[in-house]
Amino acid sequence: MAGCAIETDDLTKFYGKSRGVIGLGLQVREGEVFGYLGPNGAGKTTTIRLLMGFIRPTRGRAMVLGRDAQSQSVALHRHTGYLPGELALYENMTGADYLRYQASLRGGVQWAYVRELASRLEANLSAPIRSLSHGNKHKIGLIQAFMHKPELIILDEPTQGLDPLVQQEFYRLVLTAKGEGRTVFLSSHVLPEVERVCDRVGIIREGKLIAVEEVSVLKSRALRQLEIHFATPVKPEVFAHLAGVRDLSVEDDILRCTVVGSLDALVKAAARFEVVNIVSHEPSLEEVFLAYYGGDSRAA
């Protein structure tokens, strides 16, 4: 059984009277892709800064790659790739100059691999960083996180500003790292993204870890809001007691409902009539929280 790449015990951070995170007890296995999911402001970035040793906890402890995140942070950083949510680069350098500088701090990297990453992410390394768009600066940040093939890669909202094709390439990079036995910890507020690449997911709300789930469990609880248009009016009682169907309403020839898990029962019932159109609405992360974990999902 794999050991822990990340382990926290009662990890807590307050900023004066404002909460950051409270009592986190988290275990991330070596070699897994772990998603850290929560609305903006829930405490994801505070957690990452504690894991990297950038801020001191109010109480509790974080062990990362077998090292204390506070007292051994310098040694830890040699074995960790990191992409912050708010990326700050040296604007007067080109992307290549910046990456060579970062490589020198790490004792060197294989430049052929840097060029491969740049090609895969469609990153321009020859232009001054100040001339790049937000998304293209973000690509430089991703390259510096991956280029030395670290044991652990910590990514804060890694796909922000990336176009869909580059996002897909990023997902492939994550899965390659996993295939090589490395660990990836990524924060996100986008549920489908986490489902796409992660093995397990920790869900944080208002600074507290409220659940750790296998991604297969999240998918089995898939929450869909459906609107089915029929050729003729239908009766609500036909659909009223179907497995997984919630919040059912029928108005003439339009059925609206929420479905949890399998669509099989609803599809078979709908197939008895002539279906004109089906519209699926992706639920917000807040709605997922309310459906499964209760309470107010808004970030403090």
Protein backbone atom coordinates (compact mmCIF):
# COMPACT_ATOMS: atom_id res chain seq x y z
CA MET A 1 0.00 0.00 0.00
CA ALA A 2 1.29 3.45 -0.94
CA GLY A 3 2.53 5.79 1.76
CA CYS A 4 1.40 9.37 2.22
CA ALA A 5 2.79 12.19 0.11
CA ILE A 6 0.80 14.69 2.18
CA GLU A 7 -0.49 14.26 5.72
CA THR A 8 -1.99 16.97 7.92
CA ASP A 9 -3.10 16.89 11.53
CA ASP A 10 -5.49 19.55 12.89
CA LEU A 11 -4.05 22.02 10.39
CA THR A 12 -5.58 25.40 11.18
CA LYS A 13 -4.97 28.96 10.02
CA PHE A 14 -6.71 32.11 11.19
CA TYR A 15 -5.99 35.58 9.81
CA GLY A 16 -6.83 37.62 12.90
CA LYS A 17 -10.50 36.89 13.48
CA SER A 18 -11.01 35.64 9.91
CA ARG A 19 -10.80 31.95 9.24
CA GLY A 20 -8.53 30.39 6.67
CA VAL A 21 -8.83 26.65 7.33
CA ILE A 22 -9.90 24.80 10.45
CA GLY A 23 -8.77 21.41 11.76
CA LEU A 24 -7.76 19.83 8.46
CA GLY A 25 -6.93 16.14 8.70
CA LEU A 26 -5.93 15.17 5.18
CA GLN A 27 -4.04 12.24 3.68
CA VAL A 28 -2.88 12.16 0.06
CA ARG A 29 -1.41 8.87 -1.12
CA GLU A 30 1.84 8.62 -3.04
CA GLY A 31 1.23 8.24 -6.77
CA GLU A 32 -2.37 9.46 -6.85
CA VAL A 33 -4.00 12.51 -8.39
CA PHE A 34 -5.89 14.21 -5.58
CA GLY A 35 -8.42 16.93 -6.30
CA TYR A 36 -9.12 19.64 -3.76
CA LEU A 37 -12.56 20.93 -4.55
CA GLY A 38 -14.43 23.93 -3.20
CA PRO A 39 -15.97 27.29 -4.08
CA ASN A 40 -13.75 30.34 -4.36
CA GLY A 41 -12.88 31.51 -0.84
CA ALA A 42 -13.37 28.11 0.77
CA GLY A 43 -9.73 27.78 1.91
CA LYS A 44 -8.04 25.95 -0.97
CA THR A 45 -5.23 28.46 -1.49
CA THR A 46 -4.61 28.81 2.26
CA THR A 47 -4.21 25.02 2.47
CA ILE A 48 -1.68 25.02 -0.37
CA ARG A 49 0.34 27.85 1.15
CA LEU A 50 0.50 25.92 4.40
CA LEU A 51 1.64 22.77 2.57
CA MET A 52 4.38 24.75 0.83
CA GLY A 53 5.51 26.35 4.10
CA PHE A 54 4.82 29.88 2.87
CA ILE A 55 2.67 30.72 5.90
CA ARG A 56 2.70 29.43 9.46
CA PRO A 57 -0.29 27.54 10.83
CA THR A 58 -2.15 28.82 13.86
CA ARG A 59 -2.00 25.24 15.09
CA GLY A 60 -1.52 21.75 13.74
CA ARG A 61 1.05 20.29 11.41
CA ALA A 62 1.61 19.38 7.75
CA MET A 63 4.00 16.64 6.63
CA VAL A 64 4.82 16.69 2.91
CA LEU A 65 7.01 14.00 1.31
CA GLY A 66 7.98 12.94 4.83
CA ARG A 67 9.18 16.45 5.73
CA ASP A 68 7.74 19.04 8.07
CA ALA A 69 6.29 21.76 5.84
CA GLN A 70 7.53 24.49 8.19
CA SER A 71 10.94 23.45 9.44
CA GLN A 72 12.05 21.61 6.28
CA SER A 73 10.46 23.74 3.58
CA VAL A 74 13.71 24.45 1.70
CA ALA A 75 14.45 20.75 1.23
CA LEU A 76 10.80 20.12 0.41
CA HIS A 77 10.77 22.66 -2.43
CA ARG A 78 13.57 20.79 -4.26
CA HIS A 79 11.22 17.84 -4.70
CA THR A 80 8.02 19.79 -5.40
CA GLY A 81 6.58 21.51 -8.46
CA TYR A 82 4.25 24.39 -7.66
CA LEU A 83 1.85 26.57 -9.62
CA PRO A 84 0.29 29.35 -7.52
CA GLY A 85 -3.20 30.64 -8.19
CA GLU A 86 -1.82 34.16 -8.52
CA LEU A 87 1.24 33.74 -10.72
CA ALA A 88 4.03 36.33 -10.55
CA LEU A 89 6.75 36.14 -13.21
CA TYR A 90 9.73 38.33 -14.10
CA GLU A 91 8.07 40.48 -16.75
CA ASN A 92 11.28 41.70 -18.42
CA MET A 93 12.53 38.18 -19.13
CA THR A 94 11.49 35.96 -22.00
CA GLY A 95 9.81 32.69 -21.11
CA ALA A 96 13.00 30.82 -21.97
CA ASP A 97 15.16 33.11 -19.81
CA TYR A 98 12.78 32.73 -16.89
CA LEU A 99 12.72 28.94 -17.17
CA ARG A 100 16.51 28.75 -17.46
CA TYR A 101 16.78 30.86 -14.32
CA GLN A 102 14.36 28.58 -12.47
CA ALA A 103 16.25 25.53 -13.76
CA SER A 104 19.55 26.92 -12.42
CA LEU A 105 18.00 27.25 -8.95
CA ARG A 106 17.11 23.55 -9.11
CA GLY A 107 20.55 22.46 -10.27
CA GLY A 108 19.51 22.14 -13.90
CA VAL A 109 16.82 20.35 -15.88
CA GLN A 110 16.70 18.54 -19.24
CA TRP A 111 16.11 21.41 -21.67
CA ALA A 112 14.77 19.01 -24.29
CA TYR A 113 11.93 18.26 -21.88
CA VAL A 114 11.26 21.98 -21.42
CA ARG A 115 10.96 22.34 -25.20
CA GLU A 116 8.63 19.34 -25.29
CA LEU A 117 6.39 20.88 -22.63
CA ALA A 118 6.38 24.20 -24.48
CA SER A 119 5.36 22.46 -27.69
CA ARG A 120 2.61 20.47 -26.02
CA LEU A 121 1.18 23.52 -24.26
CA GLU A 122 1.71 25.81 -27.28
CA ALA A 123 3.79 28.18 -25.15
CA ASN A 124 5.84 31.00 -26.67
CA LEU A 125 9.22 31.01 -24.91
CA SER A 126 10.87 33.66 -27.08
CA ALA A 127 8.59 36.63 -26.34
CA PRO A 128 9.04 38.92 -23.31
CA ILE A 129 6.73 37.74 -20.54
CA ARG A 130 5.21 41.22 -20.25
CA SER A 131 3.85 40.87 -23.80
CA LEU A 132 2.02 37.58 -23.09
CA SER A 133 -1.66 37.19 -22.33
CA HIS A 134 -2.79 35.84 -18.97
CA GLY A 135 -3.31 32.38 -20.46
CA ASN A 136 0.12 32.29 -22.08
CA LYS A 137 1.81 33.41 -18.85
CA HIS A 138 -0.04 30.58 -17.15
CA LYS A 139 1.56 28.12 -19.58
CA ILE A 140 5.01 29.31 -18.48
CA GLY A 141 3.96 28.66 -14.89
CA LEU A 142 2.84 25.15 -15.75
CA ILE A 143 6.13 24.38 -17.49
CA GLN A 144 8.16 25.47 -14.46
CA ALA A 145 5.98 23.26 -12.23
CA PHE A 146 6.51 20.14 -14.38
CA MET A 147 9.96 20.64 -15.95
CA HIS A 148 12.10 19.02 -13.23
CA LYS A 149 9.79 15.99 -12.94
CA PRO A 150 9.23 16.46 -9.20
CA GLU A 151 7.92 13.81 -6.82
CA LEU A 152 4.97 16.03 -5.94
CA ILE A 153 3.21 18.62 -8.11
CA ILE A 154 0.91 21.11 -6.34
CA LEU A 155 -1.33 23.14 -8.64
CA ASP A 156 -3.73 25.92 -7.62
CA GLU A 157 -6.54 26.33 -10.20
CA PRO A 158 -4.23 25.04 -12.96
CA THR A 159 -6.47 25.47 -16.03
CA GLN A 160 -7.56 29.06 -15.56
CA GLY A 161 -7.07 31.02 -18.78
CA LEU A 162 -6.25 27.95 -20.89
CA ASP A 163 -8.19 27.22 -24.06
CA PRO A 164 -9.96 23.83 -24.25
CA LEU A 165 -7.33 22.11 -26.43
CA VAL A 166 -4.49 23.14 -24.11
CA GLN A 167 -6.59 22.01 -21.14
CA GLN A 168 -6.76 18.54 -22.67
CA GLU A 169 -2.97 18.50 -23.06
CA PHE A 170 -2.61 19.55 -19.43
CA TYR A 171 -4.80 16.62 -18.38
CA ARG A 172 -2.50 14.29 -20.33
CA LEU A 173 0.53 15.74 -18.51
CA VAL A 174 -1.15 15.03 -15.17
CA LEU A 175 -1.97 11.45 -16.11
CA THR A 176 1.58 10.91 -17.39
CA ALA A 177 2.98 12.11 -14.05
CA LYS A 178 0.66 9.68 -12.27
CA GLY A 179 1.77 6.86 -14.57
CA GLU A 180 5.37 7.57 -13.53
CA GLY A 181 4.43 7.18 -9.87
CA ARG A 182 4.46 10.87 -9.02
CA THR A 183 1.79 12.59 -6.93
CA VAL A 184 -0.41 15.47 -8.11
CA PHE A 185 -2.44 17.69 -5.78
CA LEU A 186 -4.65 20.14 -7.63
CA SER A 187 -7.24 22.58 -6.40
CA SER A 188 -10.26 23.51 -8.45
CA HIS A 189 -13.78 24.85 -8.23
CA VAL A 190 -14.77 23.02 -11.44
CA LEU A 191 -16.34 19.63 -10.73
CA PRO A 192 -16.02 18.08 -14.24
CA GLU A 193 -12.31 18.95 -14.31
CA VAL A 194 -11.69 17.12 -11.05
CA GLU A 195 -13.74 14.13 -12.20
CA ARG A 196 -11.69 14.03 -15.41
CA VAL A 197 -8.25 13.36 -13.89
CA CYS A 198 -8.46 12.67 -10.16
CA ASP A 199 -8.50 9.41 -8.21
CA ARG A 200 -9.93 10.96 -5.05
CA VAL A 201 -11.38 14.31 -4.10
CA GLY A 202 -11.33 16.29 -0.88
CA ILE A 203 -14.21 18.73 -0.56
CA ILE A 204 -13.67 21.89 1.47
CA ARG A 205 -16.34 24.35 2.50
CA GLU A 206 -15.96 27.39 4.75
CA GLY A 207 -12.46 26.26 5.73
CA LYS A 208 -13.45 22.76 6.81
CA LEU A 209 -12.83 19.46 5.04
CA ILE A 210 -16.33 18.03 4.81
CA ALA A 211 -15.70 14.89 2.75
CA VAL A 212 -13.06 12.82 0.98
CA GLU A 213 -14.51 10.70 -1.80
CA GLU A 214 -13.33 8.34 -4.49
CA VAL A 215 -14.10 9.94 -7.85
CA SER A 216 -16.10 6.84 -8.76
CA VAL A 217 -18.43 7.69 -5.86
CA LEU A 218 -18.86 11.26 -7.08
CA LYS A 219 -19.72 9.98 -10.54
CA SER A 220 -22.27 7.54 -9.14
CA ARG A 221 -23.94 10.53 -7.49
CA ALA A 222 -23.93 12.54 -10.71
CA LEU A 223 -26.47 15.33 -10.45
CA ARG A 224 -28.18 16.40 -13.68
CA GLN A 225 -30.90 18.93 -14.33
CA LEU A 226 -32.90 17.81 -17.34
CA GLU A 227 -35.56 19.36 -19.51
CA ILE A 228 -37.38 16.97 -21.86
CA HIS A 229 -39.61 18.29 -24.65
CA PHE A 230 -42.29 15.90 -25.93
CA ALA A 231 -44.38 16.09 -29.09
CA THR A 232 -47.60 16.00 -27.03
CA PRO A 233 -48.49 16.73 -23.38
CA VAL A 234 -47.55 14.08 -20.82
CA LYS A 235 -48.88 13.29 -17.34
CA PRO A 236 -46.57 13.88 -14.33
CA GLU A 237 -47.65 10.68 -12.57
CA VAL A 238 -45.90 8.63 -15.28
CA PHE A 239 -42.56 9.96 -13.99
CA ALA A 240 -43.38 10.74 -10.35
CA HIS A 241 -41.89 7.68 -8.66
CA LEU A 242 -38.90 6.88 -10.85
CA ALA A 243 -35.61 5.99 -9.17
CA GLY A 244 -33.33 9.00 -8.78
CA VAL A 245 -35.82 11.58 -10.05
CA ARG A 246 -36.26 14.70 -7.91
CA ASP A 247 -37.94 18.10 -8.22
CA LEU A 248 -40.25 16.91 -10.97
CA SER A 249 -42.50 19.37 -12.77
CA VAL A 250 -44.53 18.93 -15.96
CA GLU A 251 -46.01 21.78 -17.93
CA ASP A 252 -47.96 20.54 -20.95
CA ASP A 253 -45.31 18.91 -23.16
CA ILE A 254 -42.22 19.94 -21.14
CA LEU A 255 -40.83 17.92 -18.23
CA ARG A 256 -38.22 19.36 -15.88
CA CYS A 257 -36.46 17.39 -13.15
CA THR A 258 -33.21 16.66 -11.35
CA VAL A 259 -31.75 13.17 -11.68
CA VAL A 260 -29.26 11.64 -9.24
CA GLY A 261 -27.15 8.77 -10.58
CA SER A 262 -28.37 6.64 -13.48
CA LEU A 263 -30.67 8.08 -16.15
CA ASP A 264 -31.92 4.62 -17.12
CA ALA A 265 -35.35 4.72 -15.49
CA LEU A 266 -36.16 8.21 -16.78
CA VAL A 267 -34.97 7.44 -20.32
CA LYS A 268 -37.06 4.26 -20.50
CA ALA A 269 -40.16 6.11 -19.27
CA ALA A 270 -39.61 8.98 -21.72
CA ALA A 271 -39.14 6.53 -24.59
CA ARG A 272 -42.84 5.62 -24.33
CA PHE A 273 -43.59 8.99 -25.88
CA GLU A 274 -42.26 10.98 -28.85
CA VAL A 275 -39.30 13.04 -27.57
CA VAL A 276 -38.56 16.26 -29.47
CA ASN A 277 -35.57 17.53 -27.49
CA ILE A 278 -33.54 16.95 -24.30
CA VAL A 279 -31.66 19.78 -22.60
CA SER A 280 -29.15 19.05 -19.80
CA HIS A 281 -28.04 21.79 -17.41
CA GLU A 282 -24.67 21.34 -15.64
CA PRO A 283 -25.26 21.95 -11.91
CA SER A 284 -23.10 24.44 -10.09
CA LEU A 285 -20.64 23.24 -7.47
CA GLU A 286 -22.80 24.92 -4.83
CA GLU A 287 -25.79 22.83 -5.92
CA VAL A 288 -23.71 19.67 -5.62
CA PHE A 289 -22.74 20.66 -2.08
CA LEU A 290 -26.35 21.30 -1.15
CA ALA A 291 -27.50 18.02 -2.67
CA TYR A 292 -25.00 15.81 -0.85
CA TYR A 293 -23.57 17.63 2.13
CA GLY A 294 -26.34 20.00 3.21
CA GLY A 295 -26.15 23.45 4.73
CA ASP A 296 -25.11 26.73 3.20
CA SER A 297 -22.41 26.15 0.59
CA ARG A 298 -21.43 29.77 0.17
CA ALA A 299 -17.85 30.66 1.02
CA ALA A 300 -17.29 32.95 3.96
